[in-house]
PDB file of N, CA and C in Angstrom:
ATOM      1  N   MET A   1      93.583  85.425  79.593  1.00  0.00           N
ATOM      2  CA  MET A   1      94.326  84.446  78.813  1.00  0.00           C
ATOM      3  C   MET A   1      95.838  84.642  78.967  1.00  0.00           C
ATOM      4  N   ARG A   2      96.263  85.824  79.405  1.00  0.00           N
ATOM      5  CA  ARG A   2      97.689  86.075  79.530  1.00  0.00           C
ATOM      6  C   ARG A   2      98.331  85.190  80.589  1.00  0.00           C
ATOM      7  N   ILE A   3      97.561  84.816  81.617  1.00  0.00           N
ATOM      8  CA  ILE A   3      98.125  83.989  82.676  1.00  0.00           C
ATOM      9  C   ILE A   3      98.396  82.573  82.181  1.00  0.00           C
ATOM     10  N   LEU A   4      97.701  82.140  81.120  1.00  0.00           N
ATOM     11  CA  LEU A   4      97.943  80.808  80.579  1.00  0.00           C
ATOM     12  C   LEU A   4      99.136  80.774  79.631  1.00  0.00           C
ATOM     13  N   ARG A   5      99.694  81.935  79.288  1.00  0.00           N
ATOM     14  CA  ARG A   5     100.884  82.017  78.448  1.00  0.00           C
ATOM     15  C   ARG A   5     101.961  82.854  79.135  1.00  0.00           C
ATOM     16  N   PRO A   6     102.514  82.366  80.235  1.00  0.00           N
ATOM     17  CA  PRO A   6     103.553  83.153  80.918  1.00  0.00           C
ATOM     18  C   PRO A   6     104.834  83.208  80.074  1.00  0.00           C
ATOM     19  N   PRO A   7     105.599  84.280  80.220  1.00  0.00           N
ATOM     20  CA  PRO A   7     106.792  84.447  79.391  1.00  0.00           C
ATOM     21  C   PRO A   7     107.979  83.580  79.809  1.00  0.00           C
ATOM     22  N   SER A   8     108.046  83.172  81.060  1.00  0.00           N
ATOM     23  CA  SER A   8     109.214  82.429  81.519  1.00  0.00           C
ATOM     24  C   SER A   8     108.984  80.920  81.415  1.00  0.00           C
ATOM     25  N   LYS A   9     110.104  80.187  81.421  1.00  0.00           N
ATOM     26  CA  LYS A   9     110.033  78.727  81.355  1.00  0.00           C
ATOM     27  C   LYS A   9     109.378  78.171  82.608  1.00  0.00           C
ATOM     28  N   TRP A  10     109.725  78.704  83.778  1.00  0.00           N
ATOM     29  CA  TRP A  10     109.150  78.206  85.030  1.00  0.00           C
ATOM     30  C   TRP A  10     107.661  78.524  85.117  1.00  0.00           C
ATOM     31  N   GLY A  11     107.261  79.621  84.522  1.00  0.00           N
ATOM     32  CA  GLY A  11     105.836  79.936  84.485  1.00  0.00           C
ATOM     33  C   GLY A  11     105.058  78.931  83.660  1.00  0.00           C
ATOM     34  N   ARG A  12     105.613  78.557  82.498  1.00  0.00           N
ATOM     35  CA  ARG A  12     104.953  77.553  81.662  1.00  0.00           C
ATOM     36  C   ARG A  12     104.919  76.196  82.341  1.00  0.00           C
ATOM     37  N   VAL A  13     106.021  75.819  83.012  1.00  0.00           N
ATOM     38  CA  VAL A  13     106.055  74.557  83.753  1.00  0.00           C
ATOM     39  C   VAL A  13     105.002  74.562  84.854  1.00  0.00           C
ATOM     40  N   THR A  14     104.850  75.681  85.525  1.00  0.00           N
ATOM     41  CA  THR A  14     103.858  75.780  86.594  1.00  0.00           C
ATOM     42  C   THR A  14     102.443  75.623  86.052  1.00  0.00           C
ATOM     43  N   VAL A  15     102.147  76.258  84.942  1.00  0.00           N
ATOM     44  CA  VAL A  15     100.801  76.142  84.353  1.00  0.00           C
ATOM     45  C   VAL A  15     100.525  74.704  83.944  1.00  0.00           C
ATOM     46  N   TRP A  16     101.486  74.059  83.263  1.00  0.00           N
ATOM     47  CA  TRP A  16     101.269  72.679  82.829  1.00  0.00           C
ATOM     48  C   TRP A  16     101.183  71.726  84.018  1.00  0.00           C
ATOM     49  N   LEU A  17     101.961  71.974  85.055  1.00  0.00           N
ATOM     50  CA  LEU A  17     101.869  71.132  86.247  1.00  0.00           C
ATOM     51  C   LEU A  17     100.526  71.325  86.941  1.00  0.00           C
ATOM     52  N   GLY A  18      99.991  72.537  86.917  1.00  0.00           N
ATOM     53  CA  GLY A  18      98.660  72.772  87.482  1.00  0.00           C
ATOM     54  C   GLY A  18      97.583  72.034  86.704  1.00  0.00           C
ATOM     55  N   ILE A  19      97.707  72.011  85.380  1.00  0.00           N
ATOM     56  CA  ILE A  19      96.741  71.266  84.564  1.00  0.00           C
ATOM     57  C   ILE A  19      96.848  69.770  84.850  1.00  0.00           C
ATOM     58  N   LEU A  20      98.090  69.257  84.952  1.00  0.00           N
ATOM     59  CA  LEU A  20      98.291  67.849  85.287  1.00  0.00           C
ATOM     60  C   LEU A  20      97.728  67.522  86.659  1.00  0.00           C
ATOM     61  N   CYS A  21      97.933  68.414  87.595  1.00  0.00           N
ATOM     62  CA  CYS A  21      97.413  68.224  88.955  1.00  0.00           C
ATOM     63  C   CYS A  21      95.885  68.143  88.935  1.00  0.00           C
ATOM     64  N   LEU A  22      95.270  69.031  88.196  1.00  0.00           N
ATOM     65  CA  LEU A  22      93.807  69.025  88.083  1.00  0.00           C
ATOM     66  C   LEU A  22      93.306  67.727  87.454  1.00  0.00           C
ATOM     67  N   LEU A  23      93.973  67.271  86.397  1.00  0.00           N
ATOM     68  CA  LEU A  23      93.576  66.012  85.760  1.00  0.00           C
ATOM     69  C   LEU A  23      93.754  64.817  86.694  1.00  0.00           C
ATOM     70  N   LEU A  24      94.834  64.803  87.474  1.00  0.00           N
ATOM     71  CA  LEU A  24      95.035  63.712  88.427  1.00  0.00           C
ATOM     72  C   LEU A  24      93.962  63.701  89.509  1.00  0.00           C
ATOM     73  N   TRP A  25      93.567  64.886  89.991  1.00  0.00           N
ATOM     74  CA  TRP A  25      92.515  64.932  91.001  1.00  0.00           C
ATOM     75  C   TRP A  25      91.171  64.493  90.423  1.00  0.00           C
ATOM     76  N   ILE A  26      90.899  64.833  89.173  1.00  0.00           N
ATOM     77  CA  ILE A  26      89.662  64.372  88.530  1.00  0.00           C
ATOM     78  C   ILE A  26      89.693  62.850  88.379  1.00  0.00           C
ATOM     79  N   ALA A  27      90.850  62.297  87.977  1.00  0.00           N
ATOM     80  CA  ALA A  27      90.976  60.843  87.854  1.00  0.00           C
ATOM     81  C   ALA A  27      90.825  60.168  89.209  1.00  0.00           C
ATOM     82  N   THR A  28      91.331  60.785  90.272  1.00  0.00           N
ATOM     83  CA  THR A  28      91.190  60.227  91.618  1.00  0.00           C
ATOM     84  C   THR A  28      89.726  60.225  92.039  1.00  0.00           C
ATOM     85  N   LEU A  29      89.005  61.284  91.717  1.00  0.00           N
ATOM     86  CA  LEU A  29      87.584  61.335  92.063  1.00  0.00           C
ATOM     87  C   LEU A  29      86.766  60.318  91.285  1.00  0.00           C
ATOM     88  N   LEU A  30      87.231  59.973  90.076  1.00  0.00           N
ATOM     89  CA  LEU A  30      86.515  58.985  89.264  1.00  0.00           C
ATOM     90  C   LEU A  30      86.843  57.545  89.648  1.00  0.00           C
ATOM     91  N   GLY A  31      87.760  57.353  90.580  1.00  0.00           N
ATOM     92  CA  GLY A  31      88.019  56.015  91.096  1.00  0.00           C
ATOM     93  C   GLY A  31      89.373  55.451  90.762  1.00  0.00           C
ATOM     94  N   ALA A  32      90.197  56.151  90.027  1.00  0.00           N
ATOM     95  CA  ALA A  32      91.543  55.655  89.738  1.00  0.00           C
ATOM     96  C   ALA A  32      92.386  55.787  90.999  1.00  0.00           C
ATOM     97  N   GLY A  33      93.325  54.890  91.176  1.00  0.00           N
ATOM     98  CA  GLY A  33      94.155  54.900  92.381  1.00  0.00           C
ATOM     99  C   GLY A  33      95.361  55.808  92.255  1.00  0.00           C
ATOM    100  N   LEU A  34      95.133  57.065  91.959  1.00  0.00           N
ATOM    101  CA  LEU A  34      96.233  58.012  91.740  1.00  0.00           C
ATOM    102  C   LEU A  34      96.296  59.096  92.814  1.00  0.00           C
ATOM    103  N   ALA A  35      95.779  58.804  93.995  1.00  0.00           N
ATOM    104  CA  ALA A  35      95.725  59.829  95.042  1.00  0.00           C
ATOM    105  C   ALA A  35      97.119  60.269  95.478  1.00  0.00           C
ATOM    106  N   GLY A  36      98.051  59.344  95.552  1.00  0.00           N
ATOM    107  CA  GLY A  36      99.418  59.694  95.948  1.00  0.00           C
ATOM    108  C   GLY A  36     100.081  60.617  94.947  1.00  0.00           C
ATOM    109  N   TRP A  37      99.914  60.321  93.653  1.00  0.00           N
ATOM    110  CA  TRP A  37     100.472  61.181  92.620  1.00  0.00           C
ATOM    111  C   TRP A  37      99.791  62.540  92.610  1.00  0.00           C
ATOM    112  N   ALA A  38      98.499  62.552  92.871  1.00  0.00           N
ATOM    113  CA  ALA A  38      97.772  63.819  92.896  1.00  0.00           C
ATOM    114  C   ALA A  38      98.282  64.713  94.023  1.00  0.00           C
ATOM    115  N   VAL A  39      98.510  64.114  95.188  1.00  0.00           N
ATOM    116  CA  VAL A  39      99.027  64.893  96.325  1.00  0.00           C
ATOM    117  C   VAL A  39     100.440  65.390  96.026  1.00  0.00           C
ATOM    118  N   PHE A  40     101.281  64.515  95.469  1.00  0.00           N
ATOM    119  CA  PHE A  40     102.659  64.906  95.154  1.00  0.00           C
ATOM    120  C   PHE A  40     102.699  66.047  94.144  1.00  0.00           C
ATOM    121  N   THR A  41     101.933  65.918  93.060  1.00  0.00           N
ATOM    122  CA  THR A  41     101.944  66.983  92.055  1.00  0.00           C
ATOM    123  C   THR A  41     101.344  68.274  92.605  1.00  0.00           C
ATOM    124  N   THR A  42     100.381  68.150  93.524  1.00  0.00           N
ATOM    125  CA  THR A  42      99.807  69.349  94.138  1.00  0.00           C
ATOM    126  C   THR A  42     100.847  70.078  94.980  1.00  0.00           C
ATOM    127  N   LEU A  43     101.646  69.334  95.725  1.00  0.00           N
ATOM    128  CA  LEU A  43     102.693  69.971  96.541  1.00  0.00           C
ATOM    129  C   LEU A  43     103.752  70.641  95.665  1.00  0.00           C
ATOM    130  N   VAL A  44     104.179  69.951  94.611  1.00  0.00           N
ATOM    131  CA  VAL A  44     105.179  70.541  93.709  1.00  0.00           C
ATOM    132  C   VAL A  44     104.593  71.775  93.014  1.00  0.00           C
ATOM    133  N   PHE A  45     103.332  71.674  92.607  1.00  0.00           N
ATOM    134  CA  PHE A  45     102.657  72.812  91.970  1.00  0.00           C
ATOM    135  C   PHE A  45     102.579  74.003  92.923  1.00  0.00           C
ATOM    136  N   ALA A  46     102.259  73.751  94.187  1.00  0.00           N
ATOM    137  CA  ALA A  46     102.159  74.842  95.167  1.00  0.00           C
ATOM    138  C   ALA A  46     103.516  75.526  95.355  1.00  0.00           C
ATOM    139  N   VAL A  47     104.586  74.751  95.412  1.00  0.00           N
ATOM    140  CA  VAL A  47     105.924  75.334  95.577  1.00  0.00           C
ATOM    141  C   VAL A  47     106.294  76.179  94.356  1.00  0.00           C
ATOM    142  N   LEU A  48     106.052  75.634  93.158  1.00  0.00           N
ATOM    143  CA  LEU A  48     106.382  76.385  91.942  1.00  0.00           C
ATOM    144  C   LEU A  48     105.509  77.619  91.787  1.00  0.00           C
ATOM    145  N   LEU A  49     104.247  77.505  92.172  1.00  0.00           N
ATOM    146  CA  LEU A  49     103.349  78.655  92.074  1.00  0.00           C
ATOM    147  C   LEU A  49     103.795  79.774  93.008  1.00  0.00           C
ATOM    148  N   CYS A  50     104.209  79.410  94.214  1.00  0.00           N
ATOM    149  CA  CYS A  50     104.702  80.436  95.148  1.00  0.00           C
ATOM    150  C   CYS A  50     105.965  81.093  94.608  1.00  0.00           C
ATOM    151  N   LYS A  51     106.855  80.292  94.027  1.00  0.00           N
ATOM    152  CA  LYS A  51     108.098  80.844  93.488  1.00  0.00           C
ATOM    153  C   LYS A  51     107.821  81.743  92.282  1.00  0.00           C
ATOM    154  N   TRP A  52     106.906  81.342  91.447  1.00  0.00           N
ATOM    155  CA  TRP A  52     106.606  82.072  90.219  1.00  0.00           C
ATOM    156  C   TRP A  52     105.828  83.353  90.507  1.00  0.00           C
ATOM    157  N   ALA A  53     104.920  83.327  91.480  1.00  0.00           N
ATOM    158  CA  ALA A  53     104.052  84.475  91.754  1.00  0.00           C
ATOM    159  C   ALA A  53     104.614  85.404  92.822  1.00  0.00           C
ATOM    160  N   TYR A  54     105.734  85.053  93.442  1.00  0.00           N
ATOM    161  CA  TYR A  54     106.278  85.829  94.553  1.00  0.00           C
ATOM    162  C   TYR A  54     106.732  87.216  94.119  1.00  0.00           C
ATOM    163  N   ARG A  55     107.495  87.298  93.039  1.00  0.00           N
ATOM    164  CA  ARG A  55     108.070  88.576  92.609  1.00  0.00           C
ATOM    165  C   ARG A  55     107.011  89.605  92.195  1.00  0.00           C
ATOM    166  N   PRO A  56     106.011  89.249  91.362  1.00  0.00           N
ATOM    167  CA  PRO A  56     104.993  90.260  91.025  1.00  0.00           C
ATOM    168  C   PRO A  56     104.191  90.728  92.236  1.00  0.00           C
ATOM    169  N   MET A  57     103.884  89.796  93.153  1.00  0.00           N
ATOM    170  CA  MET A  57     103.137  90.204  94.351  1.00  0.00           C
ATOM    171  C   MET A  57     103.975  91.139  95.208  1.00  0.00           C
ATOM    172  N   LEU A  58     105.263  90.841  95.335  1.00  0.00           N
ATOM    173  CA  LEU A  58     106.137  91.692  96.137  1.00  0.00           C
ATOM    174  C   LEU A  58     106.308  93.056  95.478  1.00  0.00           C
ATOM    175  N   TRP A  59     106.361  93.103  94.152  1.00  0.00           N
ATOM    176  CA  TRP A  59     106.488  94.364  93.431  1.00  0.00           C
ATOM    177  C   TRP A  59     105.277  95.248  93.691  1.00  0.00           C
ATOM    178  N   ARG A  60     104.059  94.653  93.615  1.00  0.00           N
ATOM    179  CA  ARG A  60     102.851  95.441  93.865  1.00  0.00           C
ATOM    180  C   ARG A  60     102.807  95.914  95.313  1.00  0.00           C
ATOM    181  N   LEU A  61     103.223  95.053  96.250  1.00  0.00           N
ATOM    182  CA  LEU A  61     103.238  95.440  97.656  1.00  0.00           C
ATOM    183  C   LEU A  61     104.225  96.572  97.885  1.00  0.00           C
ATOM    184  N   ARG A  62     105.386  96.505  97.245  1.00  0.00           N
ATOM    185  CA  ARG A  62     106.382  97.563  97.405  1.00  0.00           C
ATOM    186  C   ARG A  62     105.858  98.896  96.896  1.00  0.00           C
ATOM    187  N   ASN A  63     105.180  98.883  95.757  1.00  0.00           N
ATOM    188  CA  ASN A  63     104.628 100.128  95.224  1.00  0.00           C
ATOM    189  C   ASN A  63     103.571 100.700  96.154  1.00  0.00           C
ATOM    190  N   ARG A  64     102.733  99.856  96.719  1.00  0.00           N
ATOM    191  CA  ARG A  64     101.713 100.338  97.656  1.00  0.00           C
ATOM    192  C   ARG A  64     102.348 100.897  98.913  1.00  0.00           C
ATOM    193  N   LEU A  65     103.408 100.263  99.390  1.00  0.00           N
ATOM    194  CA  LEU A  65     104.084 100.777 100.580  1.00  0.00           C
ATOM    195  C   LEU A  65     104.742 102.123 100.314  1.00  0.00           C
ATOM    196  N   ILE A  66     105.274 102.315  99.122  1.00  0.00           N
ATOM    197  CA  ILE A  66     105.886 103.605  98.777  1.00  0.00           C
ATOM    198  C   ILE A  66     104.828 104.699  98.747  1.00  0.00           C
ATOM    199  N   VAL A  67     103.685 104.428  98.134  1.00  0.00           N
ATOM    200  CA  VAL A  67     102.602 105.420  98.088  1.00  0.00           C
ATOM    201  C   VAL A  67     102.101 105.726  99.492  1.00  0.00           C
ATOM    202  N   THR A  68     101.951 104.694 100.323  1.00  0.00           N
ATOM    203  CA  THR A  68     101.511 104.905 101.702  1.00  0.00           C
ATOM    204  C   THR A  68     102.519 105.761 102.465  1.00  0.00           C
ATOM    205  N   TYR A  69     103.808 105.482 102.280  1.00  0.00           N
ATOM    206  CA  TYR A  69     104.831 106.279 102.958  1.00  0.00           C
ATOM    207  C   TYR A  69     104.766 107.737 102.507  1.00  0.00           C
ATOM    208  N   LEU A  70     104.560 107.956 101.213  1.00  0.00           N
ATOM    209  CA  LEU A  70     104.482 109.333 100.732  1.00  0.00           C
ATOM    210  C   LEU A  70     103.314 110.084 101.361  1.00  0.00           C
ATOM    211  N   PHE A  71     102.154 109.427 101.468  1.00  0.00           N
ATOM    212  CA  PHE A  71     101.000 110.118 102.042  1.00  0.00           C
ATOM    213  C   PHE A  71     101.098 110.267 103.556  1.00  0.00           C
ATOM    214  N   ILE A  72     101.656 109.293 104.253  1.00  0.00           N
ATOM    215  CA  ILE A  72     101.699 109.359 105.715  1.00  0.00           C
ATOM    216  C   ILE A  72     102.967 110.060 106.207  1.00  0.00           C
ATOM    217  N   GLY A  73     104.083 109.892 105.515  1.00  0.00           N
ATOM    218  CA  GLY A  73     105.343 110.435 106.000  1.00  0.00           C
ATOM    219  C   GLY A  73     105.727 111.778 105.412  1.00  0.00           C
ATOM    220  N   VAL A  74     105.534 111.957 104.127  1.00  0.00           N
ATOM    221  CA  VAL A  74     106.038 113.147 103.465  1.00  0.00           C
ATOM    222  C   VAL A  74     104.994 114.255 103.407  1.00  0.00           C
ATOM    223  N   MET A  75     103.765 113.917 103.106  1.00  0.00           N
ATOM    224  CA  MET A  75     102.731 114.941 102.945  1.00  0.00           C
ATOM    225  C   MET A  75     102.514 115.795 104.194  1.00  0.00           C
ATOM    226  N   PRO A  76     102.468 115.242 105.417  1.00  0.00           N
ATOM    227  CA  PRO A  76     102.317 116.130 106.589  1.00  0.00           C
ATOM    228  C   PRO A  76     103.469 117.125 106.726  1.00  0.00           C
ATOM    229  N   ILE A  77     104.689 116.687 106.413  1.00  0.00           N
ATOM    230  CA  ILE A  77     105.834 117.600 106.499  1.00  0.00           C
ATOM    231  C   ILE A  77     105.697 118.715 105.463  1.00  0.00           C
ATOM    232  N   LEU A  78     105.303 118.354 104.250  1.00  0.00           N
ATOM    233  CA  LEU A  78     105.117 119.377 103.222  1.00  0.00           C
ATOM    234  C   LEU A  78     103.992 120.345 103.596  1.00  0.00           C
ATOM    235  N   LEU A  79     102.919 119.830 104.153  1.00  0.00           N
ATOM    236  CA  LEU A  79     101.816 120.703 104.553  1.00  0.00           C
ATOM    237  C   LEU A  79     102.225 121.633 105.695  1.00  0.00           C
ATOM    238  N   LEU A  80     102.994 121.130 106.663  1.00  0.00           N
ATOM    239  CA  LEU A  80     103.473 121.987 107.747  1.00  0.00           C
ATOM    240  C   LEU A  80     104.412 123.069 107.220  1.00  0.00           C
ATOM    241  N   LEU A  81     105.310 122.709 106.302  1.00  0.00           N
ATOM    242  CA  LEU A  81     106.200 123.712 105.714  1.00  0.00           C
ATOM    243  C   LEU A  81     105.412 124.752 104.922  1.00  0.00           C
ATOM    244  N   LEU A  82     104.395 124.314 104.201  1.00  0.00           N
ATOM    245  CA  LEU A  82     103.559 125.237 103.448  1.00  0.00           C
ATOM    246  C   LEU A  82     102.802 126.184 104.380  1.00  0.00           C
ATOM    247  N   MET A  83     102.257 125.651 105.464  1.00  0.00           N
ATOM    248  CA  MET A  83     101.545 126.514 106.418  1.00  0.00           C
ATOM    249  C   MET A  83     102.499 127.488 107.092  1.00  0.00           C
ATOM    250  N   GLY A  84     103.712 127.036 107.452  1.00  0.00           N
ATOM    251  CA  GLY A  84     104.695 127.933 108.059  1.00  0.00           C
ATOM    252  C   GLY A  84     105.146 129.018 107.100  1.00  0.00           C
ATOM    253  N   GLY A  85     105.383 128.637 105.844  1.00  0.00           N
ATOM    254  CA  GLY A  85     105.782 129.618 104.838  1.00  0.00           C
ATOM    255  C   GLY A  85     104.687 130.639 104.577  1.00  0.00           C
ATOM    256  N   LEU A  86     103.447 130.180 104.491  1.00  0.00           N
ATOM    257  CA  LEU A  86     102.319 131.086 104.272  1.00  0.00           C
ATOM    258  C   LEU A  86     102.133 132.023 105.471  1.00  0.00           C
ATOM    259  N   ALA A  87     102.259 131.476 106.694  1.00  0.00           N
ATOM    260  CA  ALA A  87     102.133 132.320 107.887  1.00  0.00           C
ATOM    261  C   ALA A  87     103.259 133.351 107.941  1.00  0.00           C
ATOM    262  N   GLY A  88     104.479 132.934 107.601  1.00  0.00           N
ATOM    263  CA  GLY A  88     105.596 133.877 107.582  1.00  0.00           C
ATOM    264  C   GLY A  88     105.403 134.958 106.539  1.00  0.00           C
ATOM    265  N   TYR A  89     104.935 134.573 105.363  1.00  0.00           N
ATOM    266  CA  TYR A  89     104.679 135.557 104.309  1.00  0.00           C
ATOM    267  C   TYR A  89     103.606 136.550 104.736  1.00  0.00           C
ATOM    268  N   LEU A  90     102.510 136.039 105.306  1.00  0.00           N
ATOM    269  CA  LEU A  90     101.439 136.940 105.751  1.00  0.00           C
ATOM    270  C   LEU A  90     101.910 137.836 106.891  1.00  0.00           C
ATOM    271  N   PHE A  91     102.731 137.301 107.788  1.00  0.00           N
ATOM    272  CA  PHE A  91     103.244 138.110 108.888  1.00  0.00           C
ATOM    273  C   PHE A  91     104.149 139.227 108.369  1.00  0.00           C
ATOM    274  N   THR A  92     105.005 138.917 107.411  1.00  0.00           N
ATOM    275  CA  THR A  92     105.873 139.970 106.870  1.00  0.00           C
ATOM    276  C   THR A  92     105.067 141.014 106.103  1.00  0.00           C
ATOM    277  N   GLN A  93     104.034 140.610 105.401  1.00  0.00           N
ATOM    278  CA  GLN A  93     103.179 141.566 104.702  1.00  0.00           C
ATOM    279  C   GLN A  93     102.436 142.453 105.696  1.00  0.00           C
ATOM    280  N   LEU A  94     101.969 141.849 106.783  1.00  0.00           N
ATOM    281  CA  LEU A  94     101.274 142.610 107.816  1.00  0.00           C
ATOM    282  C   LEU A  94     102.243 143.590 108.486  1.00  0.00           C
ATOM    283  N   ALA A  95     103.465 143.133 108.783  1.00  0.00           N
ATOM    284  CA  ALA A  95     104.460 144.000 109.400  1.00  0.00           C
ATOM    285  C   ALA A  95     104.860 145.128 108.449  1.00  0.00           C
ATOM    286  N   TYR A  96     104.959 144.860 107.166  1.00  0.00           N
ATOM    287  CA  TYR A  96     105.309 145.884 106.193  1.00  0.00           C
ATOM    288  C   TYR A  96     104.176 146.901 106.050  1.00  0.00           C
ATOM    289  N   THR A  97     102.926 146.431 106.127  1.00  0.00           N
ATOM    290  CA  THR A  97     101.788 147.324 106.006  1.00  0.00           C
ATOM    291  C   THR A  97     101.715 148.288 107.161  1.00  0.00           C
ATOM    292  N   PHE A  98     101.940 147.808 108.378  1.00  0.00           N
ATOM    293  CA  PHE A  98     101.822 148.664 109.572  1.00  0.00           C
ATOM    294  C   PHE A  98     103.167 149.241 110.001  1.00  0.00           C
ATOM    295  N   HIS A  99     104.230 148.956 109.302  1.00  0.00           N
ATOM    296  CA  HIS A  99     105.574 149.483 109.589  1.00  0.00           C
ATOM    297  C   HIS A  99     106.012 149.210 111.019  1.00  0.00           C
ATOM    298  N   TRP A 100     105.907 147.961 111.421  1.00  0.00           N
ATOM    299  CA  TRP A 100     106.404 147.611 112.751  1.00  0.00           C
ATOM    300  C   TRP A 100     107.906 147.518 112.693  1.00  0.00           C
ATOM    301  N   GLU A 101     108.573 148.136 113.617  1.00  0.00           N
ATOM    302  CA  GLU A 101     110.027 148.078 113.657  1.00  0.00           C
ATOM    303  C   GLU A 101     110.532 147.975 115.044  1.00  0.00           C
TER     304      GLU A 101
END
C-alpha cells in the first residue's frame, strides 16, 4: 500500500495518471473512441514513472555495486596481506626457535 501513497508530488501525479491510463484503456476496450487519449496518457505515464522510479533503482544498484567491489576488489588484497603477515610471523617464530642468524 505504500506505493499508492508516495511522499512526493510527482509520485502522486504518477499514480493518479496510471489510474487514469488504466481507466482509459478499459473504456477503449469497451468500445469508447478514446484510443488516442489512452495512448497519450500511457506515454506520459511511462515518462513520469521512469523519472519517479529512477533514483531509488539507481540507489539500490549503487549499493550492490559497492558491495560487489568490496568482495571482488578489497577482500583478495586483505586476504593476501593476512596470509603474508601470518607467514612472516610464523617464519620469525621458527627462526627464533632454531636461532638462525
